[in-house]
C-alpha atoms as a PDB file:
ATOM      1  CA  MET A   1      80.774 102.993 150.031  1.00  0.00           C
ATOM      2  CA  PRO A   2      77.066 102.555 150.371  1.00  0.00           C
ATOM      3  CA  PRO A   3      74.713 101.933 147.344  1.00  0.00           C
ATOM      4  CA  GLU A   4      73.548 105.003 145.532  1.00  0.00           C
ATOM      5  CA  ALA A   5      69.836 105.956 146.378  1.00  0.00           C
ATOM      6  CA  ASP A   6      68.952 104.972 142.835  1.00  0.00           C
ATOM      7  CA  CYS A   7      70.867 101.774 142.886  1.00  0.00           C
ATOM      8  CA  ARG A   8      69.643  99.208 140.135  1.00  0.00           C
ATOM      9  CA  ARG A   9      72.293  96.671 140.490  1.00  0.00           C
ATOM     10  CA  CYS A  10      69.509  93.912 140.619  1.00  0.00           C
ATOM     11  CA  ARG A  11      65.869  93.632 140.345  1.00  0.00           C
ATOM     12  CA  LEU A  12      65.248  94.249 144.016  1.00  0.00           C
ATOM     13  CA  GLY A  13      65.772  97.927 143.475  1.00  0.00           C
ATOM     14  CA  GLU A  14      62.557  97.990 141.183  1.00  0.00           C
ATOM     15  CA  ALA A  15      59.922  97.620 143.963  1.00  0.00           C
ATOM     16  CA  ARG A  16      61.663  98.909 147.115  1.00  0.00           C
ATOM     17  CA  THR A  17      60.587 101.941 149.200  1.00  0.00           C
ATOM     18  CA  ASN A  18      64.062 102.549 150.822  1.00  0.00           C
ATOM     19  CA  ILE A  19      67.512 101.146 150.666  1.00  0.00           C
ATOM     20  CA  VAL A  20      68.130  99.711 154.057  1.00  0.00           C
ATOM     21  CA  LEU A  21      71.768 100.647 155.278  1.00  0.00           C
ATOM     22  CA  PRO A  22      73.388  99.321 158.331  1.00  0.00           C
ATOM     23  CA  CYS A  23      72.651 100.863 161.791  1.00  0.00           C
ATOM     24  CA  GLY A  24      74.527 101.103 164.917  1.00  0.00           C
ATOM     25  CA  ASN A  25      78.276 101.657 165.201  1.00  0.00           C
ATOM     26  CA  PRO A  26      80.112 101.017 161.794  1.00  0.00           C
ATOM     27  CA  GLY A  27      83.416 100.882 163.762  1.00  0.00           C
ATOM     28  CA  SER A  28      82.439  98.123 165.977  1.00  0.00           C
ATOM     29  CA  LYS A  29      84.298  94.930 166.317  1.00  0.00           C
ATOM     30  CA  VAL A  30      80.936  93.081 165.989  1.00  0.00           C
ATOM     31  CA  ALA A  31      78.422  92.827 163.244  1.00  0.00           C
ATOM     32  CA  LEU A  32      74.937  91.091 163.035  1.00  0.00           C
ATOM     33  CA  VAL A  33      73.990  90.097 159.453  1.00  0.00           C
ATOM     34  CA  GLY A  34      70.629  89.159 158.504  1.00  0.00           C
ATOM     35  CA  GLU A  35      69.073  88.021 155.343  1.00  0.00           C
ATOM     36  CA  ALA A  36      67.015  90.892 153.886  1.00  0.00           C
ATOM     37  CA  PRO A  37      64.821  93.774 154.941  1.00  0.00           C
ATOM     38  CA  GLY A  38      61.097  92.972 155.531  1.00  0.00           C
ATOM     39  CA  ALA A  39      58.263  95.394 155.207  1.00  0.00           C
ATOM     40  CA  GLN A  40      58.850  97.594 158.103  1.00  0.00           C
ATOM     41  CA  GLU A  41      62.536  97.810 157.380  1.00  0.00           C
ATOM     42  CA  ASP A  42      61.689  98.849 153.775  1.00  0.00           C
ATOM     43  CA  LEU A  43      59.318 101.522 154.932  1.00  0.00           C
ATOM     44  CA  ARG A  44      61.838 103.027 157.589  1.00  0.00           C
ATOM     45  CA  GLY A  45      65.133 102.268 155.824  1.00  0.00           C
ATOM     46  CA  ILE A  46      66.667 100.603 159.113  1.00  0.00           C
ATOM     47  CA  PRO A  47      67.368  97.135 159.571  1.00  0.00           C
ATOM     48  CA  PHE A  48      65.460  94.918 162.112  1.00  0.00           C
ATOM     49  CA  VAL A  49      62.680  97.079 163.319  1.00  0.00           C
ATOM     50  CA  GLY A  50      59.744  94.825 162.670  1.00  0.00           C
ATOM     51  CA  LYS A  51      58.587  91.944 164.578  1.00  0.00           C
ATOM     52  CA  ALA A  52      62.035  90.177 164.301  1.00  0.00           C
ATOM     53  CA  GLY A  53      63.616  93.317 165.331  1.00  0.00           C
ATOM     54  CA  LYS A  54      61.724  93.552 168.418  1.00  0.00           C
ATOM     55  CA  ILE A  55      62.834  90.075 169.425  1.00  0.00           C
ATOM     56  CA  LEU A  56      66.364  90.853 168.509  1.00  0.00           C
ATOM     57  CA  ASP A  57      66.186  94.052 170.608  1.00  0.00           C
ATOM     58  CA  GLY A  58      64.867  92.165 173.616  1.00  0.00           C
ATOM     59  CA  LEU A  59      67.516  89.412 173.342  1.00  0.00           C
ATOM     60  CA  MET A  60      70.276  91.976 172.801  1.00  0.00           C
ATOM     61  CA  ALA A  61      69.299  93.560 175.959  1.00  0.00           C
ATOM     62  CA  GLU A  62      69.349  90.258 177.925  1.00  0.00           C
ATOM     63  CA  ALA A  63      72.778  89.650 176.493  1.00  0.00           C
ATOM     64  CA  GLY A  64      74.080  93.145 177.425  1.00  0.00           C
ATOM     65  CA  LEU A  65      74.220  94.504 173.984  1.00  0.00           C
ATOM     66  CA  GLU A  66      72.935  97.765 172.446  1.00  0.00           C
ATOM     67  CA  ARG A  67      72.257  98.498 168.916  1.00  0.00           C
ATOM     68  CA  GLU A  68      74.693 101.665 169.130  1.00  0.00           C
ATOM     69  CA  LYS A  69      77.583  99.228 170.105  1.00  0.00           C
ATOM     70  CA  VAL A  70      77.317  96.918 166.923  1.00  0.00           C
ATOM     71  CA  THR A  71      76.836  97.039 163.224  1.00  0.00           C
ATOM     72  CA  ILE A  72      73.473  95.782 162.159  1.00  0.00           C
ATOM     73  CA  THR A  73      72.986  94.948 158.583  1.00  0.00           C
ATOM     74  CA  ASN A  74      71.525  92.514 155.925  1.00  0.00           C
ATOM     75  CA  THR A  75      73.012  90.535 153.091  1.00  0.00           C
ATOM     76  CA  VAL A  76      70.996  92.631 150.626  1.00  0.00           C
ATOM     77  CA  LYS A  77      69.774  96.150 150.994  1.00  0.00           C
ATOM     78  CA  CYS A  78      66.459  96.095 149.449  1.00  0.00           C
ATOM     79  CA  ARG A  79      63.314  94.058 150.352  1.00  0.00           C
ATOM     80  CA  PRO A  80      62.637  91.014 148.147  1.00  0.00           C
ATOM     81  CA  PRO A  81      59.108  90.866 146.835  1.00  0.00           C
ATOM     82  CA  GLY A  82      56.719  88.797 149.272  1.00  0.00           C
ATOM     83  CA  ASN A  83      59.531  88.435 151.718  1.00  0.00           C
ATOM     84  CA  ARG A  84      61.159  85.464 149.603  1.00  0.00           C
ATOM     85  CA  ARG A  85      64.602  84.635 150.178  1.00  0.00           C
ATOM     86  CA  PRO A  86      67.227  86.769 148.233  1.00  0.00           C
ATOM     87  CA  LYS A  87      68.561  85.090 145.133  1.00  0.00           C
ATOM     88  CA  ALA A  88      72.136  84.259 144.592  1.00  0.00           C
ATOM     89  CA  ASP A  89      72.586  87.106 141.978  1.00  0.00           C
ATOM     90  CA  GLU A  90      70.847  89.762 144.202  1.00  0.00           C
ATOM     91  CA  MET A  91      73.158  88.758 147.095  1.00  0.00           C
ATOM     92  CA  ALA A  92      76.098  88.967 144.729  1.00  0.00           C
ATOM     93  CA  ALA A  93      74.974  92.499 143.717  1.00  0.00           C
ATOM     94  CA  CYS A  94      75.208  93.706 147.426  1.00  0.00           C
ATOM     95  CA  ARG A  95      78.334  91.707 148.303  1.00  0.00           C
ATOM     96  CA  PRO A  96      80.705  94.715 147.676  1.00  0.00           C
ATOM     97  CA  PHE A  97      78.675  96.749 150.039  1.00  0.00           C
ATOM     98  CA  LEU A  98      78.470  93.932 152.726  1.00  0.00           C
ATOM     99  CA  GLN A  99      82.195  93.380 152.396  1.00  0.00           C
ATOM    100  CA  GLU A 100      82.822  97.025 153.093  1.00  0.00           C
ATOM    101  CA  GLU A 101      80.515  96.912 156.101  1.00  0.00           C
ATOM    102  CA  LEU A 102      82.420  94.005 157.519  1.00  0.00           C
ATOM    103  CA  ARG A 103      86.018  95.351 157.190  1.00  0.00           C
ATOM    104  CA  GLY A 104      87.836  95.260 160.240  1.00  0.00           C
ATOM    105  CA  LYS A 105      85.238  93.235 162.291  1.00  0.00           C
ATOM    106  CA  GLN A 106      86.351  90.550 164.703  1.00  0.00           C
ATOM    107  CA  LEU A 107      82.979  88.704 164.911  1.00  0.00           C
ATOM    108  CA  VAL A 108      80.079  88.535 162.484  1.00  0.00           C
ATOM    109  CA  LEU A 109      76.920  86.759 163.748  1.00  0.00           C
ATOM    110  CA  ALA A 110      75.032  85.409 160.618  1.00  0.00           C
ATOM    111  CA  LEU A 111      71.431  85.436 161.500  1.00  0.00           C
ATOM    112  CA  GLY A 112      69.848  82.552 159.816  1.00  0.00           C
ATOM    113  CA  LEU A 113      71.129  80.209 157.298  1.00  0.00           C
ATOM    114  CA  SER A 114      70.512  82.460 154.276  1.00  0.00           C
ATOM    115  CA  ALA A 115      73.048  85.107 155.673  1.00  0.00           C
ATOM    116  CA  ALA A 116      75.334  82.417 156.655  1.00  0.00           C
ATOM    117  CA  GLU A 117      75.452  80.792 153.220  1.00  0.00           C
ATOM    118  CA  ASP A 118      76.071  84.032 151.528  1.00  0.00           C
ATOM    119  CA  LEU A 119      78.814  84.784 153.784  1.00  0.00           C
ATOM    120  CA  LEU A 120      80.492  81.388 153.755  1.00  0.00           C
ATOM    121  CA  GLY A 121      79.541  80.376 150.216  1.00  0.00           C
ATOM    122  CA  LYS A 122      78.329  76.910 151.054  1.00  0.00           C
ATOM    123  CA  LYS A 123      75.047  75.191 151.934  1.00  0.00           C
ATOM    124  CA  MET A 124      74.658  74.195 155.697  1.00  0.00           C
ATOM    125  CA  VAL A 125      72.567  72.516 158.037  1.00  0.00           C
ATOM    126  CA  MET A 126      71.744  74.721 161.180  1.00  0.00           C
ATOM    127  CA  LYS A 127      72.037  71.836 163.729  1.00  0.00           C
ATOM    128  CA  ASP A 128      75.631  71.099 162.325  1.00  0.00           C
ATOM    129  CA  VAL A 129      76.844  74.964 162.472  1.00  0.00           C
ATOM    130  CA  CYS A 130      74.699  76.604 165.112  1.00  0.00           C
ATOM    131  CA  ASN A 131      76.753  78.800 167.560  1.00  0.00           C
ATOM    132  CA  ARG A 132      80.187  77.172 166.264  1.00  0.00           C
ATOM    133  CA  PRO A 133      82.539  79.798 165.293  1.00  0.00           C
ATOM    134  CA  VAL A 134      84.543  79.382 162.010  1.00  0.00           C
ATOM    135  CA  ASN A 135      87.164  81.420 160.544  1.00  0.00           C
ATOM    136  CA  ALA A 136      86.737  82.729 156.944  1.00  0.00           C
ATOM    137  CA  ASP A 137      88.366  85.031 154.581  1.00  0.00           C
ATOM    138  CA  LEU A 138      85.908  87.571 153.355  1.00  0.00           C
ATOM    139  CA  GLY A 139      88.386  89.457 151.129  1.00  0.00           C
ATOM    140  CA  ASP A 140      89.853  91.542 153.984  1.00  0.00           C
ATOM    141  CA  GLY A 141      91.632  88.814 155.958  1.00  0.00           C
ATOM    142  CA  GLN A 142      90.450  86.286 158.485  1.00  0.00           C
ATOM    143  CA  ILE A 143      87.285  86.929 160.487  1.00  0.00           C
ATOM    144  CA  THR A 144      85.232  84.893 162.829  1.00  0.00           C
ATOM    145  CA  ILE A 145      81.608  84.033 161.810  1.00  0.00           C
ATOM    146  CA  MET A 146      79.238  82.465 163.953  1.00  0.00           C
ATOM    147  CA  VAL A 147      75.946  81.181 162.602  1.00  0.00           C
ATOM    148  CA  THR A 148      72.930  81.198 164.742  1.00  0.00           C
ATOM    149  CA  TYR A 149      69.321  81.540 164.394  1.00  0.00           C
ATOM    150  CA  HIS A 150      67.429  84.491 162.803  1.00  0.00           C
ATOM    151  CA  PRO A 151      65.126  86.204 165.475  1.00  0.00           C
ATOM    152  CA  SER A 152      62.159  85.245 163.438  1.00  0.00           C
ATOM    153  CA  ALA A 153      62.899  81.624 164.048  1.00  0.00           C
ATOM    154  CA  CYS A 154      62.172  82.285 167.861  1.00  0.00           C
ATOM    155  CA  ILE A 155      58.528  83.038 166.852  1.00  0.00           C
ATOM    156  CA  TYR A 156      57.912  79.416 165.799  1.00  0.00           C
ATOM    157  CA  ARG A 157      60.753  77.684 167.781  1.00  0.00           C
ATOM    158  CA  PRO A 158      61.068  78.818 171.302  1.00  0.00           C
ATOM    159  CA  ALA A 159      64.254  76.913 171.757  1.00  0.00           C
ATOM    160  CA  ALA A 160      65.959  79.051 169.308  1.00  0.00           C
ATOM    161  CA  LYS A 161      65.604  82.159 171.715  1.00  0.00           C
ATOM    162  CA  GLU A 162      68.242  80.559 174.199  1.00  0.00           C
ATOM    163  CA  VAL A 163      70.528  79.698 171.314  1.00  0.00           C
ATOM    164  CA  LEU A 164      70.385  83.089 169.895  1.00  0.00           C
ATOM    165  CA  ARG A 165      70.714  84.700 173.289  1.00  0.00           C
ATOM    166  CA  ASP A 166      73.710  82.728 173.814  1.00  0.00           C
ATOM    167  CA  ALA A 167      75.404  83.926 170.514  1.00  0.00           C
ATOM    168  CA  LEU A 168      74.599  87.532 171.420  1.00  0.00           C
ATOM    169  CA  LYS A 169      76.245  87.007 174.852  1.00  0.00           C
ATOM    170  CA  ILE A 170      79.345  85.833 172.945  1.00  0.00           C
ATOM    171  CA  ALA A 171      79.253  88.818 170.706  1.00  0.00           C
ATOM    172  CA  ALA A 172      78.963  91.113 173.838  1.00  0.00           C
ATOM    173  CA  SER A 173      82.180  89.514 175.004  1.00  0.00           C
ATOM    174  CA  TYR A 174      84.080  90.939 171.924  1.00  0.00           C
ATOM    175  CA  LEU A 175      83.267  94.534 172.952  1.00  0.00           C
END
């Protein structure tokens, strides 16, 4: 069940333009989970359509993935002011929606540490967890979660591009 159009579960609902709901195939075995919508996503109501989305689309194409074949979503459904990281209570407010979106998935790519920490409930260091699958219980049984770079990291860290592409290739193998 998605959030209501007038959702006010947390303060993020006060300044948003649109609730950003998942896109792609809700029945897919694979989900890509980012941190939060940015400005373009807030305007259009679709995840990953800004600069990071263009990078993600390019890397997905190189990995043999299409948006229509995976679920793409964020830990929170509304844009945080100033593109700051979502706060714990904001992520908690959206967690029931995220859990529903991830039900039945076999693989979740956590795009960035913020998404990973929300999904796995603990602080991490990227170099220690990157592209290493872990099994976790998200409330609906065991699921494989792989932490990898957020597409925006590819802008200032070119090596992240290869790592993210490799993770997307692994995701493609689940389909």
